[in-house]
């Protein structure tokens, strides 16, 4: 029996379009394929055939990224997230797997860190610009996915796995290490081991005086969420991995303060917390965001409410300084 032809104007199964579009990309017509991916997927969305639209966009994003077309691939990745929202697709492992597959296709090309090299070649400048583009595009995609996950069934702050993906990519691909931003996302994940590994890697190449700040920031961020278990797990993992890497764990006043804080929060000891803040003020003041996080910790663990309403305003500013919003 001959196959019945679809009615004029009817949409064929998505796989037919996927195969045609992949051929266009493989022939090198990336821009032409991009326009076709957008227009064809839009027809499926209009027909409320959301899962087929997602199949088309996922395929397009992956193949464009495989061909090194970061801007095209990331644009289709964002459209995929927009389609998840338009279709009110719930957050589940199937939907998350679409994001995972696209994420894995983003290029992973470590770039030399910016350390004041006076002989920056044209080739290196181009590599740095490309790295910046990769991070910006992947970040936009994953932040949109995190927002979708928070609105459609994941945790209030979004999927922990998506936060971990973003932290990992920012750290690996950014020309300049932004550990505050990396920490912001890792503490919203569920993988202190991977976070510890990232911190140890940073400690092995950072400037003097940056290692204890990085550790303190990470621990205080966990605690500001009320996550004492995560903070302790991170510290335990750090000590193990630092020893394994044959590095020296920093022994500064700031690290001593962090150790005391972890011990203090194991019991009802608000006066001791306040005393530690006074005694270690000069260390705490090395980073403005620390005082704001300590206020959060006092509220989470001891129910202390801020008496000055302006602190909320300054707190938002400190959070912007200390990490991404």
Protein backbone atom coordinates (compact mmCIF):
# COMPACT_ATOMS: atom_id res chain seq x y z
CA UNK A 1 0.00 0.00 0.00
CA UNK A 2 1.38 3.43 -0.90
CA UNK A 3 1.97 5.84 1.91
CA UNK A 4 -0.85 8.36 2.32
CA UNK A 5 0.27 11.88 1.52
CA UNK A 6 -0.31 14.43 4.25
CA UNK A 7 -2.98 17.02 3.62
CA UNK A 8 -1.78 20.29 2.24
CA UNK A 9 -0.60 22.48 5.09
CA UNK A 10 -0.34 19.56 7.50
CA UNK A 11 2.95 19.12 9.33
CA UNK A 12 4.92 15.94 8.67
CA UNK A 13 6.51 13.96 11.50
CA UNK A 14 9.31 16.01 13.01
CA UNK A 15 11.96 13.42 12.11
CA UNK A 16 11.49 14.17 8.40
CA UNK A 17 12.41 17.80 8.96
CA UNK A 18 15.24 16.89 11.31
CA UNK A 19 16.90 14.73 8.65
CA UNK A 20 16.54 17.43 5.99
CA UNK A 21 17.91 20.15 8.24
CA UNK A 22 20.86 18.07 9.40
CA UNK A 23 21.81 17.60 5.75
CA UNK A 24 21.79 21.39 5.24
CA UNK A 25 24.08 21.87 8.24
CA UNK A 26 26.44 19.11 7.13
CA UNK A 27 26.71 20.80 3.75
CA UNK A 28 28.03 23.90 5.51
CA UNK A 29 24.99 26.16 5.17
CA UNK A 30 24.80 26.93 8.88
CA UNK A 31 22.98 30.25 8.58
CA UNK A 32 20.41 28.94 6.12
CA UNK A 33 19.75 25.94 8.32
CA UNK A 34 19.40 28.23 11.34
CA UNK A 35 16.57 30.18 9.73
CA UNK A 36 14.86 26.95 8.75
CA UNK A 37 15.16 25.50 12.26
CA UNK A 38 13.52 28.62 13.68
CA UNK A 39 10.69 28.86 11.16
CA UNK A 40 9.88 25.14 11.05
CA UNK A 41 9.93 24.70 14.84
CA UNK A 42 7.64 27.74 15.13
CA UNK A 43 5.04 25.95 12.97
CA UNK A 44 5.02 22.98 15.34
CA UNK A 45 4.67 25.32 18.31
CA UNK A 46 1.73 27.07 16.62
CA UNK A 47 0.13 23.68 16.11
CA UNK A 48 0.79 22.93 19.79
CA UNK A 49 2.96 19.97 18.82
CA UNK A 50 5.47 21.03 21.45
CA UNK A 51 7.41 17.80 21.82
CA UNK A 52 8.13 17.65 18.10
CA UNK A 53 9.22 21.28 18.19
CA UNK A 54 11.54 20.36 21.04
CA UNK A 55 12.95 17.46 19.02
CA UNK A 56 13.74 19.80 16.12
CA UNK A 57 15.33 22.47 18.30
CA UNK A 58 17.35 19.96 20.32
CA UNK A 59 18.68 18.37 17.15
CA UNK A 60 19.48 21.76 15.66
CA UNK A 61 21.25 23.07 18.73
CA UNK A 62 23.36 19.92 19.06
CA UNK A 63 24.45 19.70 15.43
CA UNK A 64 25.24 23.42 15.17
CA UNK A 65 27.37 23.17 18.33
CA UNK A 66 29.08 20.04 17.01
CA UNK A 67 30.07 22.09 13.96
CA UNK A 68 31.48 24.82 16.22
CA UNK A 69 28.60 27.22 15.52
CA UNK A 70 28.25 28.48 19.09
CA UNK A 71 26.00 31.46 18.40
CA UNK A 72 23.63 29.46 16.19
CA UNK A 73 23.56 26.50 18.58
CA UNK A 74 23.01 28.64 21.65
CA UNK A 75 20.21 30.55 19.94
CA UNK A 76 18.37 27.31 19.21
CA UNK A 77 19.08 26.14 22.77
CA UNK A 78 17.37 29.25 24.11
CA UNK A 79 14.43 28.66 21.79
CA UNK A 80 14.16 25.16 23.21
CA UNK A 81 13.83 26.58 26.74
CA UNK A 82 11.26 29.11 25.51
CA UNK A 83 9.31 26.20 24.02
CA UNK A 84 9.45 24.30 27.31
CA UNK A 85 7.81 27.35 28.90
CA UNK A 86 5.26 27.89 26.11
CA UNK A 87 4.24 24.26 26.30
CA UNK A 88 4.17 24.31 30.12
CA UNK A 89 6.43 21.25 29.99
CA UNK A 90 7.04 20.05 33.56
CA UNK A 91 10.54 19.64 34.92
CA UNK A 92 11.38 15.94 34.81
CA UNK A 93 14.32 13.79 33.80
CA UNK A 94 13.22 13.58 30.18
CA UNK A 95 13.08 17.36 29.81
CA UNK A 96 16.28 17.77 31.81
CA UNK A 97 18.01 15.29 29.50
CA UNK A 98 17.36 17.59 26.55
CA UNK A 99 19.26 20.34 28.33
CA UNK A 100 22.04 17.91 29.32
CA UNK A 101 22.59 16.79 25.72
CA UNK A 102 22.82 20.34 24.41
CA UNK A 103 25.14 21.37 27.24
CA UNK A 104 27.53 18.51 26.47
CA UNK A 105 27.84 19.74 22.89
CA UNK A 106 29.09 23.20 23.87
CA UNK A 107 32.81 23.42 22.99
CA UNK A 108 35.26 22.76 25.81
CA UNK A 109 38.43 24.63 24.85
CA UNK A 110 40.48 25.73 27.88
CA UNK A 111 41.99 29.17 27.33
CA UNK A 112 45.18 30.48 29.00
CA UNK A 113 44.24 32.71 31.93
CA UNK A 114 44.83 36.45 31.69
CA UNK A 115 48.01 36.97 33.68
CA UNK A 116 49.29 40.23 32.20
CA UNK A 117 51.10 38.78 29.19
CA UNK A 118 52.57 41.71 27.22
CA UNK A 119 52.88 39.69 24.01
CA UNK A 120 49.26 38.95 23.31
CA UNK A 121 49.07 37.72 19.74
CA UNK A 122 46.16 38.21 17.38
CA UNK A 123 45.46 34.49 17.58
CA UNK A 124 45.32 34.59 21.38
CA UNK A 125 43.07 37.65 21.31
CA UNK A 126 40.68 35.81 19.03
CA UNK A 127 40.77 32.76 21.32
CA UNK A 128 39.92 34.92 24.33
CA UNK A 129 37.04 36.57 22.47
CA UNK A 130 35.71 33.16 21.41
CA UNK A 131 35.93 31.92 25.00
CA UNK A 132 33.99 34.93 26.23
CA UNK A 133 31.29 34.26 23.64
CA UNK A 134 31.06 30.59 24.64
CA UNK A 135 30.63 31.46 28.31
CA UNK A 136 28.07 34.20 27.64
CA UNK A 137 25.98 32.02 25.33
CA UNK A 138 26.11 28.90 27.48
CA UNK A 139 25.33 30.99 30.58
CA UNK A 140 22.28 32.57 28.94
CA UNK A 141 20.99 29.14 27.94
CA UNK A 142 21.53 27.54 31.35
CA UNK A 143 20.18 30.51 33.32
CA UNK A 144 17.00 30.36 31.24
CA UNK A 145 16.82 26.61 31.88
CA UNK A 146 17.32 27.16 35.62
CA UNK A 147 14.47 29.67 35.64
CA UNK A 148 12.21 27.24 33.77
CA UNK A 149 13.10 24.42 36.17
CA UNK A 150 12.26 26.57 39.19
CA UNK A 151 8.87 27.49 37.75
CA UNK A 152 7.91 24.02 36.54
CA UNK A 153 8.71 21.61 39.32
CA UNK A 154 12.32 21.71 40.48
CA UNK A 155 13.53 23.26 43.72
CA UNK A 156 12.76 26.91 44.47
CA UNK A 157 16.23 27.99 43.32
CA UNK A 158 16.11 25.77 40.25
CA UNK A 159 17.59 22.41 39.37
CA UNK A 160 20.80 21.70 41.34
CA UNK A 161 22.24 19.83 38.35
CA UNK A 162 21.73 22.83 36.08
CA UNK A 163 23.49 25.08 38.60
CA UNK A 164 26.40 22.62 38.68
CA UNK A 165 26.61 22.61 34.89
CA UNK A 166 26.78 26.38 34.81
CA UNK A 167 29.40 26.58 37.55
CA UNK A 168 31.52 23.96 35.80
CA UNK A 169 31.36 25.68 32.41
CA UNK A 170 32.08 29.16 33.76
CA UNK A 171 35.13 27.89 35.64
CA UNK A 172 36.46 25.81 32.76
CA UNK A 173 35.94 28.24 29.90
CA UNK A 174 36.18 31.78 31.32
CA UNK A 175 39.39 33.63 30.37
CA UNK A 176 39.34 35.28 33.79
CA UNK A 177 38.41 33.21 36.82
CA UNK A 178 35.27 34.55 38.49
CA UNK A 179 35.15 32.27 41.51
CA UNK A 180 32.42 34.29 43.23
CA UNK A 181 30.13 33.54 40.30
CA UNK A 182 31.22 29.90 40.22
CA UNK A 183 30.54 29.57 43.96
CA UNK A 184 27.11 31.17 43.58
CA UNK A 185 26.00 28.26 41.40
CA UNK A 186 27.91 25.41 43.06
CA UNK A 187 26.27 26.05 46.44
CA UNK A 188 22.88 25.74 44.72
CA UNK A 189 23.92 22.30 43.52
CA UNK A 190 24.23 18.99 45.34
CA UNK A 191 27.85 18.15 44.64
CA UNK A 192 30.27 19.43 47.32
CA UNK A 193 32.87 16.96 46.02
CA UNK A 194 32.98 18.58 42.58
CA UNK A 195 32.95 22.03 44.18
CA UNK A 196 35.90 21.03 46.37
CA UNK A 197 37.76 19.76 43.32
CA UNK A 198 37.23 23.10 41.58
CA UNK A 199 38.47 25.01 44.63
CA UNK A 200 41.58 22.82 44.91
CA UNK A 201 42.30 23.40 41.23
CA UNK A 202 41.99 27.14 41.85
CA UNK A 203 44.24 26.97 44.90
CA UNK A 204 46.95 25.38 42.79
CA UNK A 205 47.22 28.40 40.50
CA UNK A 206 45.79 31.45 42.29
CA UNK A 207 47.67 34.45 43.63
CA UNK A 208 48.69 34.48 47.32
CA UNK A 209 45.82 35.52 49.58
CA UNK A 210 43.08 34.39 47.19
CA UNK A 211 42.81 30.80 48.41
CA UNK A 212 41.42 31.51 51.89
CA UNK A 213 38.94 34.02 50.49
CA UNK A 214 37.66 31.42 48.05
CA UNK A 215 37.20 28.82 50.79
CA UNK A 216 35.54 31.27 53.17
CA UNK A 217 33.17 32.51 50.47
CA UNK A 218 32.13 28.96 49.60
CA UNK A 219 31.51 27.90 53.21
CA UNK A 220 29.64 31.08 54.14
CA UNK A 221 27.41 30.78 51.08
CA UNK A 222 26.38 27.27 52.12
CA UNK A 223 25.70 28.51 55.65
CA UNK A 224 23.73 31.53 54.45
CA UNK A 225 21.27 29.01 52.96
CA UNK A 226 21.13 27.18 56.28
CA UNK A 227 23.06 24.28 54.76
CA UNK A 228 25.46 23.34 57.55
CA UNK A 229 25.80 19.80 56.23
CA UNK A 230 26.94 21.05 52.81
CA UNK A 231 29.45 23.42 54.40
CA UNK A 232 30.96 20.67 56.56
CA UNK A 233 31.05 18.24 53.63
CA UNK A 234 32.85 20.84 51.53
CA UNK A 235 35.47 21.43 54.22
CA UNK A 236 36.03 17.69 54.70
CA UNK A 237 36.42 17.19 50.94
CA UNK A 238 38.76 20.16 50.67
CA UNK A 239 41.09 18.80 53.34
CA UNK A 240 41.19 15.37 51.67
CA UNK A 241 41.77 16.72 48.18
CA UNK A 242 44.34 19.32 49.27
CA UNK A 243 46.35 16.58 50.94
CA UNK A 244 46.01 14.34 47.88
CA UNK A 245 47.19 17.18 45.62
CA UNK A 246 50.13 17.82 47.96
CA UNK A 247 49.08 21.41 48.52
CA UNK A 248 49.06 23.35 51.77
CA UNK A 249 45.73 24.16 53.34
CA UNK A 250 45.75 27.89 54.12
CA UNK A 251 46.27 28.73 57.80
CA UNK A 252 45.06 32.30 58.10
CA UNK A 253 42.87 34.15 60.57
CA UNK A 254 40.01 33.98 58.07
CA UNK A 255 40.22 30.18 57.85
CA UNK A 256 40.39 29.95 61.64
CA UNK A 257 37.22 32.06 61.79
CA UNK A 258 35.50 29.68 59.35
CA UNK A 259 36.49 26.67 61.47
CA UNK A 260 35.12 28.34 64.60
CA UNK A 261 31.89 29.29 62.81
CA UNK A 262 31.27 25.70 61.77
CA UNK A 263 31.78 24.54 65.35
CA UNK A 264 29.59 27.32 66.76
CA UNK A 265 26.61 26.52 64.52
CA UNK A 266 26.52 22.96 65.85
CA UNK A 267 25.01 24.34 69.07
CA UNK A 268 22.87 27.14 70.42
CA UNK A 269 25.62 29.75 70.73
CA UNK A 270 24.51 33.10 69.32
CA UNK A 271 26.68 35.09 71.80
CA UNK A 272 29.74 33.16 70.56
CA UNK A 273 28.85 33.92 66.95
CA UNK A 274 28.63 37.63 67.78
CA UNK A 275 31.94 37.50 69.64
CA UNK A 276 33.65 35.82 66.67
CA UNK A 277 32.37 38.56 64.35
CA UNK A 278 33.92 41.18 66.58
CA UNK A 279 37.23 39.38 67.12
CA UNK A 280 37.72 38.55 63.42
CA UNK A 281 36.30 41.79 62.00
CA UNK A 282 39.46 42.70 60.06
CA UNK A 283 39.44 39.30 58.32
CA UNK A 284 35.71 39.41 57.62
CA UNK A 285 36.01 42.91 56.16
CA UNK A 286 38.33 41.64 53.43
CA UNK A 287 35.19 40.99 51.39
CA UNK A 288 32.05 43.15 51.80
CA UNK A 289 29.67 40.28 51.05
CA UNK A 290 30.84 38.33 54.11
CA UNK A 291 28.98 40.55 56.60
CA UNK A 292 25.77 40.20 54.63
CA UNK A 293 26.15 36.42 54.56
CA UNK A 294 26.82 36.37 58.30
CA UNK A 295 23.60 38.32 58.84
CA UNK A 296 21.81 35.66 56.81
CA UNK A 297 23.46 32.95 58.92
CA UNK A 298 22.37 34.59 62.18
CA UNK A 299 18.81 34.75 60.89
CA UNK A 300 18.78 31.16 59.56
CA UNK A 301 20.31 29.50 62.62
CA UNK A 302 19.28 31.79 65.48
CA UNK A 303 16.25 33.68 64.22
CA UNK A 304 17.99 37.08 64.43
CA UNK A 305 16.14 39.63 62.32
CA UNK A 306 17.82 42.69 60.90
CA UNK A 307 16.86 45.79 62.82
CA UNK A 308 17.86 48.26 60.10
CA UNK A 309 15.63 48.11 56.99
CA UNK A 310 18.38 49.76 54.92
CA UNK A 311 20.47 46.63 55.39
CA UNK A 312 18.21 44.87 52.94
CA UNK A 313 19.12 47.41 50.29
CA UNK A 314 22.81 47.19 51.01
CA UNK A 315 22.48 43.43 51.17
CA UNK A 316 21.31 43.31 47.56
CA UNK A 317 24.32 45.39 46.56
CA UNK A 318 26.70 43.09 48.46
CA UNK A 319 25.17 40.03 46.86
CA UNK A 320 25.73 41.55 43.43
CA UNK A 321 29.35 42.16 44.39
CA UNK A 322 29.79 38.69 45.83
CA UNK A 323 28.00 36.74 43.14
CA UNK A 324 25.56 36.67 40.29
CA UNK A 325 21.87 37.35 40.82
